[in-house]
Amino acid sequence: ESESKPTPTTVARGSETVLLVEDDHVVRTLVANGLRKAG
């Protein structure tokens, strides 16, 4: 099989609803804010 695609360097935006489940409060807050910023 061929190699995987390179990771893009820009934020891929969206408008869907994400249920985020993370027991580490700091990580959860970081990811939630980042996803909201991405739409």
PDB file of all heavy atoms in Angstrom:
ATOM      1  N   GLU A   1       0.835  -1.198   0.000  1.00  0.00           N
ATOM      2  CA  GLU A   1       0.000   0.000   0.000  1.00  0.00           C
ATOM      3  C   GLU A   1       0.868   1.246   0.000  1.00  0.00           C
ATOM      4  O   GLU A   1       1.995   1.240   0.478  1.00  0.00           O
ATOM      5  CB  GLU A   1      -0.920   0.001   1.230  1.00  0.00           C
ATOM      6  CG  GLU A   1      -1.866  -1.189   1.253  1.00  0.00           C
ATOM      7  CD  GLU A   1      -2.689  -1.236   2.532  1.00  0.00           C
ATOM      8  OE1 GLU A   1      -3.071  -0.161   3.021  1.00  0.00           O
ATOM      9  OE2 GLU A   1      -2.939  -2.339   3.038  1.00  0.00           O
ATOM     10  N   SER A   2       0.306   2.343  -0.499  1.00  0.00           N
ATOM     11  CA  SER A   2       1.025   3.608  -0.541  1.00  0.00           C
ATOM     12  C   SER A   2       1.018   4.247   0.834  1.00  0.00           C
ATOM     13  O   SER A   2       0.250   3.885   1.723  1.00  0.00           O
ATOM     14  CB  SER A   2       0.381   4.551  -1.556  1.00  0.00           C
ATOM     15  OG  SER A   2      -0.972   4.783  -1.196  1.00  0.00           O
ATOM     16  N   GLU A   3       1.878   5.238   0.995  1.00  0.00           N
ATOM     17  CA  GLU A   3       1.986   5.920   2.285  1.00  0.00           C
ATOM     18  C   GLU A   3       0.771   6.818   2.525  1.00  0.00           C
ATOM     19  O   GLU A   3       0.053   7.209   1.611  1.00  0.00           O
ATOM     20  CB  GLU A   3       3.261   6.782   2.321  1.00  0.00           C
ATOM     21  CG  GLU A   3       4.528   5.943   2.315  1.00  0.00           C
ATOM     22  CD  GLU A   3       4.535   4.915   3.449  1.00  0.00           C
ATOM     23  OE1 GLU A   3       4.498   5.330   4.604  1.00  0.00           O
ATOM     24  OE2 GLU A   3       4.554   3.722   3.175  1.00  0.00           O
ATOM     25  N   SER A   4       0.575   7.185   3.795  1.00  0.00           N
ATOM     26  CA  SER A   4      -0.559   8.037   4.160  1.00  0.00           C
ATOM     27  C   SER A   4      -0.321   9.462   3.671  1.00  0.00           C
ATOM     28  O   SER A   4       0.802   9.883   3.426  1.00  0.00           O
ATOM     29  CB  SER A   4      -0.741   8.031   5.686  1.00  0.00           C
ATOM     30  OG  SER A   4       0.441   8.457   6.305  1.00  0.00           O
ATOM     31  N   LYS A   5      -1.420  10.214   3.562  1.00  0.00           N
ATOM     32  CA  LYS A   5      -1.335  11.598   3.108  1.00  0.00           C
ATOM     33  C   LYS A   5      -0.653  12.453   4.173  1.00  0.00           C
ATOM     34  O   LYS A   5      -0.808  12.216   5.369  1.00  0.00           O
ATOM     35  CB  LYS A   5      -2.748  12.147   2.876  1.00  0.00           C
ATOM     36  CG  LYS A   5      -3.514  11.438   1.800  1.00  0.00           C
ATOM     37  CD  LYS A   5      -4.932  11.954   1.722  1.00  0.00           C
ATOM     38  CE  LYS A   5      -5.761  11.497   2.898  1.00  0.00           C
ATOM     39  NZ  LYS A   5      -7.158  11.893   2.832  1.00  0.00           N
ATOM     40  N   PRO A   6       0.110  13.498   3.762  1.00  0.00           N
ATOM     41  CA  PRO A   6       0.723  14.376   4.747  1.00  0.00           C
ATOM     42  C   PRO A   6      -0.338  15.148   5.526  1.00  0.00           C
ATOM     43  O   PRO A   6      -1.418  15.449   5.007  1.00  0.00           O
ATOM     44  CB  PRO A   6       1.587  15.329   3.910  1.00  0.00           C
ATOM     45  CG  PRO A   6       0.992  15.277   2.529  1.00  0.00           C
ATOM     46  CD  PRO A   6       0.411  13.898   2.381  1.00  0.00           C
ATOM     47  N   THR A   7      -0.056  15.471   6.770  1.00  0.00           N
ATOM     48  CA  THR A   7      -1.003  16.216   7.606  1.00  0.00           C
ATOM     49  C   THR A   7      -1.075  17.663   7.141  1.00  0.00           C
ATOM     50  O   THR A   7      -0.046  18.318   6.996  1.00  0.00           O
ATOM     51  CB  THR A   7      -0.553  16.193   9.085  1.00  0.00           C
ATOM     52  OG1 THR A   7      -0.444  14.837   9.484  1.00  0.00           O
ATOM     53  CG2 THR A   7      -1.558  16.908   9.962  1.00  0.00           C
ATOM     54  N   PRO A   8      -2.285  18.175   6.853  1.00  0.00           N
ATOM     55  CA  PRO A   8      -2.388  19.563   6.406  1.00  0.00           C
ATOM     56  C   PRO A   8      -1.960  20.536   7.497  1.00  0.00           C
ATOM     57  O   PRO A   8      -2.010  20.223   8.682  1.00  0.00           O
ATOM     58  CB  PRO A   8      -3.875  19.733   6.078  1.00  0.00           C
ATOM     59  CG  PRO A   8      -4.578  18.528   6.549  1.00  0.00           C
ATOM     60  CD  PRO A   8      -3.573  17.506   6.955  1.00  0.00           C
ATOM     61  N   THR A   9      -1.556  21.739   7.076  1.00  0.00           N
ATOM     62  CA  THR A   9      -1.072  22.722   8.049  1.00  0.00           C
ATOM     63  C   THR A   9      -2.098  23.818   8.299  1.00  0.00           C
ATOM     64  O   THR A   9      -1.798  24.805   8.944  1.00  0.00           O
ATOM     65  CB  THR A   9       0.235  23.357   7.542  1.00  0.00           C
ATOM     66  OG1 THR A   9       0.005  23.878   6.221  1.00  0.00           O
ATOM     67  CG2 THR A   9       1.356  22.333   7.484  1.00  0.00           C
ATOM     68  N   THR A  10      -3.315  23.687   7.774  1.00  0.00           N
ATOM     69  CA  THR A  10      -4.367  24.660   8.029  1.00  0.00           C
ATOM     70  C   THR A  10      -5.535  23.986   8.729  1.00  0.00           C
ATOM     71  O   THR A  10      -5.774  22.798   8.554  1.00  0.00           O
ATOM     72  CB  THR A  10      -4.865  25.286   6.708  1.00  0.00           C
ATOM     73  OG1 THR A  10      -5.277  24.236   5.833  1.00  0.00           O
ATOM     74  CG2 THR A  10      -3.756  26.092   6.033  1.00  0.00           C
ATOM     75  N   VAL A  11      -6.264  24.772   9.507  1.00  0.00           N
ATOM     76  CA  VAL A  11      -7.400  24.233  10.254  1.00  0.00           C
ATOM     77  C   VAL A  11      -8.533  23.916   9.285  1.00  0.00           C
ATOM     78  O   VAL A  11      -8.955  24.772   8.501  1.00  0.00           O
ATOM     79  CB  VAL A  11      -7.874  25.243  11.319  1.00  0.00           C
ATOM     80  CG1 VAL A  11      -9.171  24.786  11.948  1.00  0.00           C
ATOM     81  CG2 VAL A  11      -6.804  25.434  12.384  1.00  0.00           C
ATOM     82  N   ALA A  12      -9.011  22.678   9.324  1.00  0.00           N
ATOM     83  CA  ALA A  12     -10.143  22.272   8.482  1.00  0.00           C
ATOM     84  C   ALA A  12     -11.426  22.612   9.220  1.00  0.00           C
ATOM     85  O   ALA A  12     -11.705  22.063  10.275  1.00  0.00           O
ATOM     86  CB  ALA A  12     -10.060  20.775   8.196  1.00  0.00           C
ATOM     87  N   ARG A  13     -12.205  23.536   8.664  1.00  0.00           N
ATOM     88  CA  ARG A  13     -13.377  24.047   9.361  1.00  0.00           C
ATOM     89  C   ARG A  13     -14.599  23.171   9.106  1.00  0.00           C
ATOM     90  O   ARG A  13     -14.646  22.402   8.146  1.00  0.00           O
ATOM     91  CB  ARG A  13     -13.660  25.489   8.924  1.00  0.00           C
ATOM     92  CG  ARG A  13     -12.532  26.451   9.270  1.00  0.00           C
ATOM     93  CD  ARG A  13     -12.897  27.884   8.916  1.00  0.00           C
ATOM     94  NE  ARG A  13     -14.064  28.332   9.647  1.00  0.00           N
ATOM     95  CZ  ARG A  13     -14.055  28.767  10.919  1.00  0.00           C
ATOM     96  NH1 ARG A  13     -12.924  28.786  11.588  1.00  0.00           N
ATOM     97  NH2 ARG A  13     -15.168  29.153  11.489  1.00  0.00           N
ATOM     98  N   GLY A  14     -15.613  23.276   9.984  1.00  0.00           N
ATOM     99  CA  GLY A  14     -16.850  22.532   9.830  1.00  0.00           C
ATOM    100  C   GLY A  14     -17.966  23.216  10.582  1.00  0.00           C
ATOM    101  O   GLY A  14     -17.754  24.219  11.271  1.00  0.00           O
ATOM    102  N   SER A  15     -19.187  22.668  10.466  1.00  0.00           N
ATOM    103  CA  SER A  15     -20.338  23.287  11.144  1.00  0.00           C
ATOM    104  C   SER A  15     -21.157  22.245  11.908  1.00  0.00           C
ATOM    105  O   SER A  15     -22.229  22.565  12.427  1.00  0.00           O
ATOM    106  CB  SER A  15     -21.229  23.983  10.106  1.00  0.00           C
ATOM    107  OG  SER A  15     -21.640  23.044   9.124  1.00  0.00           O
ATOM    108  N   GLU A  16     -20.667  21.010  11.981  1.00  0.00           N
ATOM    109  CA  GLU A  16     -21.425  19.935  12.610  1.00  0.00           C
ATOM    110  C   GLU A  16     -21.368  20.012  14.139  1.00  0.00           C
ATOM    111  O   GLU A  16     -20.643  20.825  14.720  1.00  0.00           O
ATOM    112  CB  GLU A  16     -20.885  18.570  12.143  1.00  0.00           C
ATOM    113  CG  GLU A  16     -21.131  18.285  10.671  1.00  0.00           C
ATOM    114  CD  GLU A  16     -19.987  18.747   9.780  1.00  0.00           C
ATOM    115  OE1 GLU A  16     -19.151  19.559  10.235  1.00  0.00           O
ATOM    116  OE2 GLU A  16     -19.937  18.307   8.631  1.00  0.00           O
ATOM    117  N   THR A  17     -22.158  19.106  14.760  1.00  0.00           N
ATOM    118  CA  THR A  17     -22.192  19.008  16.222  1.00  0.00           C
ATOM    119  C   THR A  17     -21.285  17.865  16.679  1.00  0.00           C
ATOM    120  O   THR A  17     -21.391  16.744  16.175  1.00  0.00           O
ATOM    121  CB  THR A  17     -23.632  18.754  16.726  1.00  0.00           C
ATOM    122  OG1 THR A  17     -24.441  19.884  16.368  1.00  0.00           O
ATOM    123  CG2 THR A  17     -23.654  18.578  18.234  1.00  0.00           C
ATOM    124  N   VAL A  18     -20.399  18.176  17.625  1.00  0.00           N
ATOM    125  CA  VAL A  18     -19.450  17.202  18.148  1.00  0.00           C
ATOM    126  C   VAL A  18     -19.711  16.999  19.641  1.00  0.00           C
ATOM    127  O   VAL A  18     -19.791  17.965  20.404  1.00  0.00           O
ATOM    128  CB  VAL A  18     -17.993  17.678  17.940  1.00  0.00           C
ATOM    129  CG1 VAL A  18     -17.009  16.694  18.579  1.00  0.00           C
ATOM    130  CG2 VAL A  18     -17.680  17.855  16.463  1.00  0.00           C
ATOM    131  N   LEU A  19     -19.852  15.726  20.041  1.00  0.00           N
ATOM    132  CA  LEU A  19     -19.930  15.382  21.461  1.00  0.00           C
ATOM    133  C   LEU A  19     -18.511  15.023  21.899  1.00  0.00           C
ATOM    134  O   LEU A  19     -17.952  14.013  21.477  1.00  0.00           O
ATOM    135  CB  LEU A  19     -20.881  14.209  21.689  1.00  0.00           C
ATOM    136  CG  LEU A  19     -20.944  13.632  23.114  1.00  0.00           C
ATOM    137  CD1 LEU A  19     -21.282  14.699  24.147  1.00  0.00           C
ATOM    138  CD2 LEU A  19     -21.948  12.480  23.188  1.00  0.00           C
ATOM    139  N   LEU A  20     -17.924  15.881  22.742  1.00  0.00           N
ATOM    140  CA  LEU A  20     -16.536  15.715  23.195  1.00  0.00           C
ATOM    141  C   LEU A  20     -16.524  15.103  24.592  1.00  0.00           C
ATOM    142  O   LEU A  20     -17.128  15.653  25.516  1.00  0.00           O
ATOM    143  CB  LEU A  20     -15.834  17.080  23.205  1.00  0.00           C
ATOM    144  CG  LEU A  20     -14.491  17.177  23.922  1.00  0.00           C
ATOM    145  CD1 LEU A  20     -13.441  16.308  23.235  1.00  0.00           C
ATOM    146  CD2 LEU A  20     -14.024  18.635  23.993  1.00  0.00           C
ATOM    147  N   VAL A  21     -15.848  13.969  24.748  1.00  0.00           N
ATOM    148  CA  VAL A  21     -15.785  13.277  26.039  1.00  0.00           C
ATOM    149  C   VAL A  21     -14.318  13.112  26.420  1.00  0.00           C
ATOM    150  O   VAL A  21     -13.565  12.396  25.765  1.00  0.00           O
ATOM    151  CB  VAL A  21     -16.472  11.891  25.977  1.00  0.00           C
ATOM    152  CG1 VAL A  21     -16.630  11.330  27.387  1.00  0.00           C
ATOM    153  CG2 VAL A  21     -17.813  11.984  25.273  1.00  0.00           C
ATOM    154  N   GLU A  22     -13.911  13.797  27.480  1.00  0.00           N
ATOM    155  CA  GLU A  22     -12.519  13.783  27.928  1.00  0.00           C
ATOM    156  C   GLU A  22     -12.490  14.064  29.422  1.00  0.00           C
ATOM    157  O   GLU A  22     -13.025  15.073  29.874  1.00  0.00           O
ATOM    158  CB  GLU A  22     -11.734  14.852  27.140  1.00  0.00           C
ATOM    159  CG  GLU A  22     -10.361  15.185  27.695  1.00  0.00           C
ATOM    160  CD  GLU A  22      -9.403  14.011  27.669  1.00  0.00           C
ATOM    161  OE1 GLU A  22      -9.025  13.558  26.569  1.00  0.00           O
ATOM    162  OE2 GLU A  22      -9.035  13.550  28.776  1.00  0.00           O
ATOM    163  N   ASP A  23     -11.879  13.140  30.202  1.00  0.00           N
ATOM    164  CA  ASP A  23     -11.895  13.319  31.655  1.00  0.00           C
ATOM    165  C   ASP A  23     -10.852  14.313  32.149  1.00  0.00           C
ATOM    166  O   ASP A  23     -10.947  14.794  33.276  1.00  0.00           O
ATOM    167  CB  ASP A  23     -11.723  11.959  32.362  1.00  0.00           C
ATOM    168  CG  ASP A  23     -10.403  11.293  32.014  1.00  0.00           C
ATOM    169  OD1 ASP A  23     -10.081  11.206  30.827  1.00  0.00           O
ATOM    170  OD2 ASP A  23      -9.711  10.851  32.953  1.00  0.00           O
ATOM    171  N   ASP A  24      -9.858  14.638  31.336  1.00  0.00           N
ATOM    172  CA  ASP A  24      -8.858  15.632  31.728  1.00  0.00           C
ATOM    173  C   ASP A  24      -9.411  17.023  31.400  1.00  0.00           C
ATOM    174  O   ASP A  24      -9.607  17.381  30.239  1.00  0.00           O
ATOM    175  CB  ASP A  24      -7.542  15.380  30.988  1.00  0.00           C
ATOM    176  CG  ASP A  24      -6.421  16.283  31.473  1.00  0.00           C
ATOM    177  OD1 ASP A  24      -6.540  17.518  31.310  1.00  0.00           O
ATOM    178  OD2 ASP A  24      -5.419  15.763  32.013  1.00  0.00           O
ATOM    179  N   HIS A  25      -9.664  17.829  32.454  1.00  0.00           N
ATOM    180  CA  HIS A  25     -10.335  19.122  32.294  1.00  0.00           C
ATOM    181  C   HIS A  25      -9.559  20.055  31.372  1.00  0.00           C
ATOM    182  O   HIS A  25     -10.138  20.733  30.507  1.00  0.00           O
ATOM    183  CB  HIS A  25     -10.531  19.785  33.666  1.00  0.00           C
ATOM    184  CG  HIS A  25     -11.029  21.200  33.594  1.00  0.00           C
ATOM    185  ND1 HIS A  25     -12.327  21.506  33.230  1.00  0.00           N
ATOM    186  CD2 HIS A  25     -10.390  22.387  33.788  1.00  0.00           C
ATOM    187  CE1 HIS A  25     -12.474  22.821  33.229  1.00  0.00           C
ATOM    188  NE2 HIS A  25     -11.322  23.378  33.561  1.00  0.00           N
ATOM    189  N   VAL A  26      -8.237  20.115  31.515  1.00  0.00           N
ATOM    190  CA  VAL A  26      -7.417  21.042  30.723  1.00  0.00           C
ATOM    191  C   VAL A  26      -7.478  20.664  29.241  1.00  0.00           C
ATOM    192  O   VAL A  26      -7.660  21.523  28.376  1.00  0.00           O
ATOM    193  CB  VAL A  26      -5.952  21.048  31.232  1.00  0.00           C
ATOM    194  CG1 VAL A  26      -5.089  21.951  30.373  1.00  0.00           C
ATOM    195  CG2 VAL A  26      -5.890  21.496  32.688  1.00  0.00           C
ATOM    196  N   VAL A  27      -7.349  19.377  28.950  1.00  0.00           N
ATOM    197  CA  VAL A  27      -7.405  18.921  27.556  1.00  0.00           C
ATOM    198  C   VAL A  27      -8.794  19.161  26.986  1.00  0.00           C
ATOM    199  O   VAL A  27      -8.950  19.608  25.840  1.00  0.00           O
ATOM    200  CB  VAL A  27      -7.025  17.427  27.451  1.00  0.00           C
ATOM    201  CG1 VAL A  27      -7.224  16.917  26.027  1.00  0.00           C
ATOM    202  CG2 VAL A  27      -5.581  17.211  27.890  1.00  0.00           C
ATOM    203  N   ARG A  28      -9.837  18.869  27.771  1.00  0.00           N
ATOM    204  CA  ARG A  28     -11.212  19.044  27.295  1.00  0.00           C
ATOM    205  C   ARG A  28     -11.477  20.507  26.928  1.00  0.00           C
ATOM    206  O   ARG A  28     -12.053  20.803  25.877  1.00  0.00           O
ATOM    207  CB  ARG A  28     -12.205  18.565  28.360  1.00  0.00           C
ATOM    208  CG  ARG A  28     -13.651  18.555  27.868  1.00  0.00           C
ATOM    209  CD  ARG A  28     -14.590  17.923  28.859  1.00  0.00           C
ATOM    210  NE  ARG A  28     -14.765  18.704  30.067  1.00  0.00           N
ATOM    211  CZ  ARG A  28     -14.251  18.387  31.262  1.00  0.00           C
ATOM    212  NH1 ARG A  28     -13.551  17.285  31.403  1.00  0.00           N
ATOM    213  NH2 ARG A  28     -14.449  19.162  32.308  1.00  0.00           N
ATOM    214  N   THR A  29     -11.066  21.428  27.787  1.00  0.00           N
ATOM    215  CA  THR A  29     -11.275  22.857  27.541  1.00  0.00           C
ATOM    216  C   THR A  29     -10.524  23.302  26.286  1.00  0.00           C
ATOM    217  O   THR A  29     -11.056  24.029  25.443  1.00  0.00           O
ATOM    218  CB  THR A  29     -10.796  23.689  28.753  1.00  0.00           C
ATOM    219  OG1 THR A  29     -11.512  23.251  29.919  1.00  0.00           O
ATOM    220  CG2 THR A  29     -11.046  25.168  28.536  1.00  0.00           C
ATOM    221  N   LEU A  30      -9.282  22.849  26.159  1.00  0.00           N
ATOM    222  CA  LEU A  30      -8.466  23.205  24.990  1.00  0.00           C
ATOM    223  C   LEU A  30      -9.125  22.731  23.698  1.00  0.00           C
ATOM    224  O   LEU A  30      -9.291  23.502  22.743  1.00  0.00           O
ATOM    225  CB  LEU A  30      -7.077  22.560  25.128  1.00  0.00           C
ATOM    226  CG  LEU A  30      -6.190  22.603  23.890  1.00  0.00           C
ATOM    227  CD1 LEU A  30      -5.648  24.004  23.693  1.00  0.00           C
ATOM    228  CD2 LEU A  30      -5.049  21.597  23.998  1.00  0.00           C
ATOM    229  N   VAL A  31      -9.526  21.443  23.655  1.00  0.00           N
ATOM    230  CA  VAL A  31     -10.102  20.875  22.438  1.00  0.00           C
ATOM    231  C   VAL A  31     -11.450  21.513  22.120  1.00  0.00           C
ATOM    232  O   VAL A  31     -11.733  21.846  20.966  1.00  0.00           O
ATOM    233  CB  VAL A  31     -10.236  19.342  22.566  1.00  0.00           C
ATOM    234  CG1 VAL A  31     -11.012  18.759  21.394  1.00  0.00           C
ATOM    235  CG2 VAL A  31      -8.854  18.699  22.645  1.00  0.00           C
ATOM    236  N   ALA A  32     -12.277  21.723  23.143  1.00  0.00           N
ATOM    237  CA  ALA A  32     -13.599  22.330  22.930  1.00  0.00           C
ATOM    238  C   ALA A  32     -13.460  23.725  22.336  1.00  0.00           C
ATOM    239  O   ALA A  32     -14.151  24.076  21.360  1.00  0.00           O
ATOM    240  CB  ALA A  32     -14.367  22.391  24.248  1.00  0.00           C
ATOM    241  N   ASN A  33     -12.566  24.534  22.888  1.00  0.00           N
ATOM    242  CA  ASN A  33     -12.372  25.894  22.375  1.00  0.00           C
ATOM    243  C   ASN A  33     -11.842  25.875  20.944  1.00  0.00           C
ATOM    244  O   ASN A  33     -12.259  26.670  20.097  1.00  0.00           O
ATOM    245  CB  ASN A  33     -11.411  26.675  23.279  1.00  0.00           C
ATOM    246  CG  ASN A  33     -12.039  27.006  24.629  1.00  0.00           C
ATOM    247  OD1 ASN A  33     -13.256  26.939  24.776  1.00  0.00           O
ATOM    248  ND2 ASN A  33     -11.224  27.352  25.605  1.00  0.00           N
ATOM    249  N   GLY A  34     -10.913  24.940  20.679  1.00  0.00           N
ATOM    250  CA  GLY A  34     -10.357  24.829  19.332  1.00  0.00           C
ATOM    251  C   GLY A  34     -11.402  24.435  18.309  1.00  0.00           C
ATOM    252  O   GLY A  34     -11.437  24.973  17.193  1.00  0.00           O
ATOM    253  N   LEU A  35     -12.292  23.494  18.668  1.00  0.00           N
ATOM    254  CA  LEU A  35     -13.342  23.054  17.740  1.00  0.00           C
ATOM    255  C   LEU A  35     -14.382  24.157  17.516  1.00  0.00           C
ATOM    256  O   LEU A  35     -14.868  24.340  16.394  1.00  0.00           O
ATOM    257  CB  LEU A  35     -14.013  21.783  18.268  1.00  0.00           C
ATOM    258  CG  LEU A  35     -13.151  20.520  18.248  1.00  0.00           C
ATOM    259  CD1 LEU A  35     -13.928  19.349  18.818  1.00  0.00           C
ATOM    260  CD2 LEU A  35     -12.679  20.203  16.833  1.00  0.00           C
ATOM    261  N   ARG A  36     -14.733  24.877  18.572  1.00  0.00           N
ATOM    262  CA  ARG A  36     -15.692  25.986  18.413  1.00  0.00           C
ATOM    263  C   ARG A  36     -15.104  27.063  17.491  1.00  0.00           C
ATOM    264  O   ARG A  36     -15.800  27.629  16.655  1.00  0.00           O
ATOM    265  CB  ARG A  36     -16.050  26.574  19.778  1.00  0.00           C
ATOM    266  CG  ARG A  36     -16.932  25.651  20.603  1.00  0.00           C
ATOM    267  CD  ARG A  36     -17.378  26.268  21.923  1.00  0.00           C
ATOM    268  NE  ARG A  36     -18.199  25.324  22.675  1.00  0.00           N
ATOM    269  CZ  ARG A  36     -17.847  24.784  23.844  1.00  0.00           C
ATOM    270  NH1 ARG A  36     -16.698  25.116  24.425  1.00  0.00           N
ATOM    271  NH2 ARG A  36     -18.644  23.929  24.447  1.00  0.00           N
ATOM    272  N   LYS A  37     -13.806  27.317  17.657  1.00  0.00           N
ATOM    273  CA  LYS A  37     -13.123  28.299  16.811  1.00  0.00           C
ATOM    274  C   LYS A  37     -13.146  27.861  15.343  1.00  0.00           C
ATOM    275  O   LYS A  37     -13.175  28.685  14.428  1.00  0.00           O
ATOM    276  CB  LYS A  37     -11.671  28.434  17.299  1.00  0.00           C
ATOM    277  CG  LYS A  37     -10.921  29.621  16.760  1.00  0.00           C
ATOM    278  CD  LYS A  37      -9.552  29.698  17.434  1.00  0.00           C
ATOM    279  CE  LYS A  37      -8.684  30.741  16.757  1.00  0.00           C
ATOM    280  NZ  LYS A  37      -7.319  30.753  17.336  1.00  0.00           N
ATOM    281  N   ALA A  38     -13.147  26.536  15.115  1.00  0.00           N
ATOM    282  CA  ALA A  38     -13.176  25.994  13.755  1.00  0.00           C
ATOM    283  C   ALA A  38     -14.598  25.877  13.209  1.00  0.00           C
ATOM    284  O   ALA A  38     -14.796  25.352  12.108  1.00  0.00           O
ATOM    285  CB  ALA A  38     -12.501  24.620  13.728  1.00  0.00           C
ATOM    286  N   GLY A  39     -15.608  26.326  13.977  1.00  0.00           N
ATOM    287  CA  GLY A  39     -16.979  26.383  13.472  1.00  0.00           C
ATOM    288  C   GLY A  39     -17.919  25.319  13.994  1.00  0.00           C
ATOM    289  O   GLY A  39     -19.109  25.323  13.655  1.00  0.00           O
TER     290      GLY A  39
END
